Amino acid sequence: MKRAYVRAMDALYLLCIGVSGIALVFMTIVIPWGVWQRYVMNSALAWPEPMSVLLMIVFTFFAAAGCYRAGVHISVGLVVDTLPEGRQRIVRFISELFMILLAVFTVIWGSGLVQATWHQVIAEFPFLSVGLTYMPIPIGGALTILFIVERLWIGRPPPTSFIFREPASID
C-alpha cells in the first residue's frame, strides 16, 4: 500500500514540476513578445500581460506543491536544528500540521474563489472563465495535502530523482 502511494506521489510530483515548467517556459516567451510588440513594433498587444499573470498562477501553485514534496521550499531550520532529536521530531510534526491547515485553507477558499468567479470572463480572453483560471489554487492545495500525508505516513522522500526509484524503507 505504501509503495503504491509513493509511486502515485512520484507521478503527481512529475506532473506538478512538468506543468509548472511548461508555464514558466510560456511566460518567458509571452513577456518578451509583448515587450517586442510594444517597443519595437510600436503595436501594443492586450493579451501578453494577462496571459503571463494566468501562467504565473499555474506556475506558483503547482511549483509550490512540487517543491514541498522535494523539500526545496523555503524553510528556516536554524532553531529546529539546534533542538535535541526528540524535540526536532515534535516541532517538525507541528510544522506539518500547520502546512495541512494552510493547504486546507487554499483548497476551501480557493474553491470558493473559483465558484464566485466562474461566470465572469477575462476581457482579453472572453472564452475563458475567471473561475477556471483560479483552479490551480485549490488543485495545488489538494496536491500539497497529498504530499503532506505522504511525509507524515512514510517520511520524506530521499533527495534524489523521484523517477522510477525503489523506496528502500517502504514495506
C-alpha atoms as a PDB file:
ATOM      1  CA  MET A   1       0.000   0.000   0.000  1.00  0.00           C
ATOM      2  CA  LYS A   2       2.752   2.445   0.941  1.00  0.00           C
ATOM      3  CA  ARG A   3       4.743   1.609  -2.181  1.00  0.00           C
ATOM      4  CA  ALA A   4       1.711   2.282  -4.397  1.00  0.00           C
ATOM      5  CA  TYR A   5       1.085   5.591  -2.643  1.00  0.00           C
ATOM      6  CA  VAL A   6       4.702   6.660  -3.119  1.00  0.00           C
ATOM      7  CA  ARG A   7       4.548   5.744  -6.811  1.00  0.00           C
ATOM      8  CA  ALA A   8       1.357   7.767  -7.183  1.00  0.00           C
ATOM      9  CA  MET A   9       3.010  10.714  -5.420  1.00  0.00           C
ATOM     10  CA  ASP A  10       6.029  10.342  -7.723  1.00  0.00           C
ATOM     11  CA  ALA A  11       3.691  10.665 -10.700  1.00  0.00           C
ATOM     12  CA  LEU A  12       1.918  13.674  -9.176  1.00  0.00           C
ATOM     13  CA  TYR A  13       5.276  15.264  -8.377  1.00  0.00           C
ATOM     14  CA  LEU A  14       6.376  14.886 -12.003  1.00  0.00           C
ATOM     15  CA  LEU A  15       3.043  16.329 -13.130  1.00  0.00           C
ATOM     16  CA  CYS A  16       3.491  19.339 -10.821  1.00  0.00           C
ATOM     17  CA  ILE A  17       7.020  20.000 -11.987  1.00  0.00           C
ATOM     18  CA  GLY A  18       6.074  19.446 -15.631  1.00  0.00           C
ATOM     19  CA  VAL A  19       3.055  21.754 -15.531  1.00  0.00           C
ATOM     20  CA  SER A  20       4.961  24.472 -13.670  1.00  0.00           C
ATOM     21  CA  GLY A  21       7.915  24.129 -16.046  1.00  0.00           C
ATOM     22  CA  ILE A  22       5.685  24.479 -19.097  1.00  0.00           C
ATOM     23  CA  ALA A  23       4.010  27.543 -17.549  1.00  0.00           C
ATOM     24  CA  LEU A  24       7.431  29.080 -16.870  1.00  0.00           C
ATOM     25  CA  VAL A  25       8.593  28.453 -20.437  1.00  0.00           C
ATOM     26  CA  PHE A  26       5.463  30.062 -21.867  1.00  0.00           C
ATOM     27  CA  MET A  27       5.884  33.060 -19.550  1.00  0.00           C
ATOM     28  CA  THR A  28       9.427  33.543 -20.808  1.00  0.00           C
ATOM     29  CA  ILE A  29       8.069  33.582 -24.350  1.00  0.00           C
ATOM     30  CA  VAL A  30       4.938  35.693 -23.800  1.00  0.00           C
ATOM     31  CA  ILE A  31       6.508  38.535 -21.802  1.00  0.00           C
ATOM     32  CA  PRO A  32       9.357  39.322 -24.235  1.00  0.00           C
ATOM     33  CA  TRP A  33       6.893  39.007 -27.121  1.00  0.00           C
ATOM     34  CA  GLY A  34       4.708  41.666 -25.529  1.00  0.00           C
ATOM     35  CA  VAL A  35       7.724  43.913 -24.939  1.00  0.00           C
ATOM     36  CA  TRP A  36       8.894  43.412 -28.535  1.00  0.00           C
ATOM     37  CA  GLN A  37       5.477  44.254 -29.919  1.00  0.00           C
ATOM     38  CA  ARG A  38       5.073  47.337 -27.735  1.00  0.00           C
ATOM     39  CA  TYR A  39       8.510  48.937 -28.005  1.00  0.00           C
ATOM     40  CA  VAL A  40       9.989  47.638 -31.239  1.00  0.00           C
ATOM     41  CA  MET A  41       6.942  47.171 -33.434  1.00  0.00           C
ATOM     42  CA  ASN A  42       5.049  50.064 -31.771  1.00  0.00           C
ATOM     43  CA  SER A  43       1.935  47.898 -31.687  1.00  0.00           C
ATOM     44  CA  ALA A  44       0.968  47.012 -28.119  1.00  0.00           C
ATOM     45  CA  LEU A  45      -0.932  43.767 -27.671  1.00  0.00           C
ATOM     46  CA  ALA A  46      -3.596  43.431 -24.989  1.00  0.00           C
ATOM     47  CA  TRP A  47      -3.134  39.752 -24.183  1.00  0.00           C
ATOM     48  CA  PRO A  48       0.534  39.167 -23.095  1.00  0.00           C
ATOM     49  CA  GLU A  49       0.196  40.724 -19.634  1.00  0.00           C
ATOM     50  CA  PRO A  50      -2.992  38.886 -18.560  1.00  0.00           C
ATOM     51  CA  MET A  51      -1.644  35.694 -20.119  1.00  0.00           C
ATOM     52  CA  SER A  52       1.549  35.961 -18.080  1.00  0.00           C
ATOM     53  CA  VAL A  53      -0.494  36.541 -14.912  1.00  0.00           C
ATOM     54  CA  LEU A  54      -2.539  33.413 -15.620  1.00  0.00           C
ATOM     55  CA  LEU A  55       0.626  31.421 -16.287  1.00  0.00           C
ATOM     56  CA  MET A  56       2.103  32.734 -13.032  1.00  0.00           C
ATOM     57  CA  ILE A  57      -0.912  31.417 -11.105  1.00  0.00           C
ATOM     58  CA  VAL A  58      -0.397  27.980 -12.648  1.00  0.00           C
ATOM     59  CA  PHE A  59       3.347  28.103 -12.031  1.00  0.00           C
ATOM     60  CA  THR A  60       3.025  29.251  -8.425  1.00  0.00           C
ATOM     61  CA  PHE A  61       0.604  26.666  -7.114  1.00  0.00           C
ATOM     62  CA  PHE A  62       1.898  23.636  -9.000  1.00  0.00           C
ATOM     63  CA  ALA A  63       5.545  24.502  -8.295  1.00  0.00           C
ATOM     64  CA  ALA A  64       4.765  25.109  -4.618  1.00  0.00           C
ATOM     65  CA  ALA A  65       3.299  21.615  -4.274  1.00  0.00           C
ATOM     66  CA  GLY A  66       6.215  20.033  -6.141  1.00  0.00           C
ATOM     67  CA  CYS A  67       8.805  21.975  -4.160  1.00  0.00           C
ATOM     68  CA  TYR A  68       7.147  20.954  -0.912  1.00  0.00           C
ATOM     69  CA  ARG A  69       7.443  17.293  -1.864  1.00  0.00           C
ATOM     70  CA  ALA A  70      11.055  17.658  -2.933  1.00  0.00           C
ATOM     71  CA  GLY A  71      11.841  19.528   0.277  1.00  0.00           C
ATOM     72  CA  VAL A  72      13.211  22.559  -1.541  1.00  0.00           C
ATOM     73  CA  HIS A  73      10.570  25.049  -0.417  1.00  0.00           C
ATOM     74  CA  ILE A  74      11.594  27.993   1.708  1.00  0.00           C
ATOM     75  CA  SER A  75      12.067  26.977   5.319  1.00  0.00           C
ATOM     76  CA  VAL A  76      14.133  28.157   8.230  1.00  0.00           C
ATOM     77  CA  GLY A  77      15.536  25.250  10.206  1.00  0.00           C
ATOM     78  CA  LEU A  78      18.138  27.029  12.318  1.00  0.00           C
ATOM     79  CA  VAL A  79      16.149  26.869  15.558  1.00  0.00           C
ATOM     80  CA  VAL A  80      14.840  23.362  14.878  1.00  0.00           C
ATOM     81  CA  ASP A  81      18.325  22.050  14.094  1.00  0.00           C
ATOM     82  CA  THR A  82      19.604  23.215  17.494  1.00  0.00           C
ATOM     83  CA  LEU A  83      16.965  21.215  19.374  1.00  0.00           C
ATOM     84  CA  PRO A  84      17.501  17.651  20.637  1.00  0.00           C
ATOM     85  CA  GLU A  85      16.342  14.921  18.217  1.00  0.00           C
ATOM     86  CA  GLY A  86      13.088  14.179  20.076  1.00  0.00           C
ATOM     87  CA  ARG A  87      12.044  17.796  20.106  1.00  0.00           C
ATOM     88  CA  GLN A  88      13.013  18.183  16.453  1.00  0.00           C
ATOM     89  CA  ARG A  89      10.509  15.458  15.557  1.00  0.00           C
ATOM     90  CA  ILE A  90       7.785  17.177  17.594  1.00  0.00           C
ATOM     91  CA  VAL A  91       8.447  20.579  16.029  1.00  0.00           C
ATOM     92  CA  ARG A  92       8.552  19.083  12.521  1.00  0.00           C
ATOM     93  CA  PHE A  93       5.254  17.266  13.182  1.00  0.00           C
ATOM     94  CA  ILE A  94       3.664  20.524  14.348  1.00  0.00           C
ATOM     95  CA  SER A  95       5.066  22.194  11.236  1.00  0.00           C
ATOM     96  CA  GLU A  96       3.390  19.550   9.066  1.00  0.00           C
ATOM     97  CA  LEU A  97       0.093  20.183  10.869  1.00  0.00           C
ATOM     98  CA  PHE A  98       0.381  23.888  10.090  1.00  0.00           C
ATOM     99  CA  MET A  99       1.131  23.001   6.470  1.00  0.00           C
ATOM    100  CA  ILE A 100      -2.037  20.893   6.347  1.00  0.00           C
ATOM    101  CA  LEU A 101      -4.030  23.822   7.748  1.00  0.00           C
ATOM    102  CA  LEU A 102      -2.576  26.125   5.111  1.00  0.00           C
ATOM    103  CA  ALA A 103      -3.256  23.619   2.326  1.00  0.00           C
ATOM    104  CA  VAL A 104      -6.828  23.031   3.525  1.00  0.00           C
ATOM    105  CA  PHE A 105      -7.283  26.820   3.614  1.00  0.00           C
ATOM    106  CA  THR A 106      -6.180  27.080  -0.033  1.00  0.00           C
ATOM    107  CA  VAL A 107      -8.496  24.249  -1.035  1.00  0.00           C
ATOM    108  CA  ILE A 108     -11.555  25.691   0.742  1.00  0.00           C
ATOM    109  CA  TRP A 109     -11.073  29.375  -0.031  1.00  0.00           C
ATOM    110  CA  GLY A 110      -9.607  28.663  -3.471  1.00  0.00           C
ATOM    111  CA  SER A 111     -12.683  26.598  -4.317  1.00  0.00           C
ATOM    112  CA  GLY A 112     -14.855  29.458  -3.086  1.00  0.00           C
ATOM    113  CA  LEU A 113     -12.945  31.856  -5.311  1.00  0.00           C
ATOM    114  CA  VAL A 114     -13.403  29.527  -8.279  1.00  0.00           C
ATOM    115  CA  GLN A 115     -17.151  29.282  -7.621  1.00  0.00           C
ATOM    116  CA  ALA A 116     -17.560  33.033  -7.065  1.00  0.00           C
ATOM    117  CA  THR A 117     -15.812  33.939 -10.319  1.00  0.00           C
ATOM    118  CA  TRP A 118     -16.928  31.042 -12.512  1.00  0.00           C
ATOM    119  CA  HIS A 119     -19.362  33.093 -14.587  1.00  0.00           C
ATOM    120  CA  GLN A 120     -17.016  36.024 -15.128  1.00  0.00           C
ATOM    121  CA  VAL A 121     -14.752  36.288 -18.146  1.00  0.00           C
ATOM    122  CA  ILE A 122     -11.419  37.959 -18.773  1.00  0.00           C
ATOM    123  CA  ALA A 123     -11.751  40.878 -21.172  1.00  0.00           C
ATOM    124  CA  GLU A 124      -8.751  39.800 -23.252  1.00  0.00           C
ATOM    125  CA  PHE A 125      -9.938  36.162 -23.295  1.00  0.00           C
ATOM    126  CA  PRO A 126     -13.753  36.241 -23.440  1.00  0.00           C
ATOM    127  CA  PHE A 127     -13.912  32.472 -23.968  1.00  0.00           C
ATOM    128  CA  LEU A 128     -12.106  31.823 -20.652  1.00  0.00           C
ATOM    129  CA  SER A 129     -13.861  31.710 -17.279  1.00  0.00           C
ATOM    130  CA  VAL A 130     -12.103  33.576 -14.465  1.00  0.00           C
ATOM    131  CA  GLY A 131     -13.043  30.701 -12.169  1.00  0.00           C
ATOM    132  CA  LEU A 132     -11.217  28.275 -14.424  1.00  0.00           C
ATOM    133  CA  THR A 133      -8.080  30.392 -14.241  1.00  0.00           C
ATOM    134  CA  TYR A 134      -8.183  30.160 -10.434  1.00  0.00           C
ATOM    135  CA  MET A 135      -8.452  26.345 -10.459  1.00  0.00           C
ATOM    136  CA  PRO A 136      -4.696  25.898  -9.773  1.00  0.00           C
ATOM    137  CA  ILE A 137      -5.244  27.318  -6.265  1.00  0.00           C
ATOM    138  CA  PRO A 138      -7.440  24.516  -4.861  1.00  0.00           C
ATOM    139  CA  ILE A 139      -5.712  21.903  -7.028  1.00  0.00           C
ATOM    140  CA  GLY A 140      -2.299  22.961  -5.721  1.00  0.00           C
ATOM    141  CA  GLY A 141      -3.637  22.859  -2.163  1.00  0.00           C
ATOM    142  CA  ALA A 142      -5.049  19.363  -2.672  1.00  0.00           C
ATOM    143  CA  LEU A 143      -1.769  18.132  -4.154  1.00  0.00           C
ATOM    144  CA  THR A 144       0.104  19.616  -1.211  1.00  0.00           C
ATOM    145  CA  ILE A 145      -2.215  17.779   1.193  1.00  0.00           C
ATOM    146  CA  LEU A 146      -1.418  14.500  -0.575  1.00  0.00           C
ATOM    147  CA  PHE A 147       2.315  15.218  -0.279  1.00  0.00           C
ATOM    148  CA  ILE A 148       1.937  16.090   3.412  1.00  0.00           C
ATOM    149  CA  VAL A 149       0.073  12.832   4.030  1.00  0.00           C
ATOM    150  CA  GLU A 150       2.933  11.006   2.317  1.00  0.00           C
ATOM    151  CA  ARG A 151       5.511  12.728   4.502  1.00  0.00           C
ATOM    152  CA  LEU A 152       3.576  12.028   7.714  1.00  0.00           C
ATOM    153  CA  TRP A 153       2.805   8.426   6.796  1.00  0.00           C
ATOM    154  CA  ILE A 154       6.010   7.324   5.083  1.00  0.00           C
ATOM    155  CA  GLY A 155       8.557  10.041   5.718  1.00  0.00           C
ATOM    156  CA  ARG A 156      10.375  12.478   3.500  1.00  0.00           C
ATOM    157  CA  PRO A 157      11.342  11.106   0.087  1.00  0.00           C
ATOM    158  CA  PRO A 158      15.109  10.924  -0.453  1.00  0.00           C
ATOM    159  CA  PRO A 159      16.594  13.984  -2.191  1.00  0.00           C
ATOM    160  CA  THR A 160      17.330  12.003  -5.338  1.00  0.00           C
ATOM    161  CA  SER A 161      15.383  11.633  -8.524  1.00  0.00           C
ATOM    162  CA  PHE A 162      11.787  10.641  -7.892  1.00  0.00           C
ATOM    163  CA  ILE A 163      11.594   8.835 -11.215  1.00  0.00           C
ATOM    164  CA  PHE A 164      11.457   5.041 -11.072  1.00  0.00           C
ATOM    165  CA  ARG A 165      13.112   4.722  -7.695  1.00  0.00           C
ATOM    166  CA  GLU A 166      12.509   1.829  -5.368  1.00  0.00           C
ATOM    167  CA  PRO A 167      11.898   3.201  -1.887  1.00  0.00           C
ATOM    168  CA  ALA A 168      14.045   1.053   0.393  1.00  0.00           C
ATOM    169  CA  SER A 169      12.267   1.869   3.649  1.00  0.00           C
ATOM    170  CA  ILE A 170       8.729   1.219   2.424  1.00  0.00           C
ATOM    171  CA  ASP A 171       7.185  -2.185   3.041  1.00  0.00           C
END
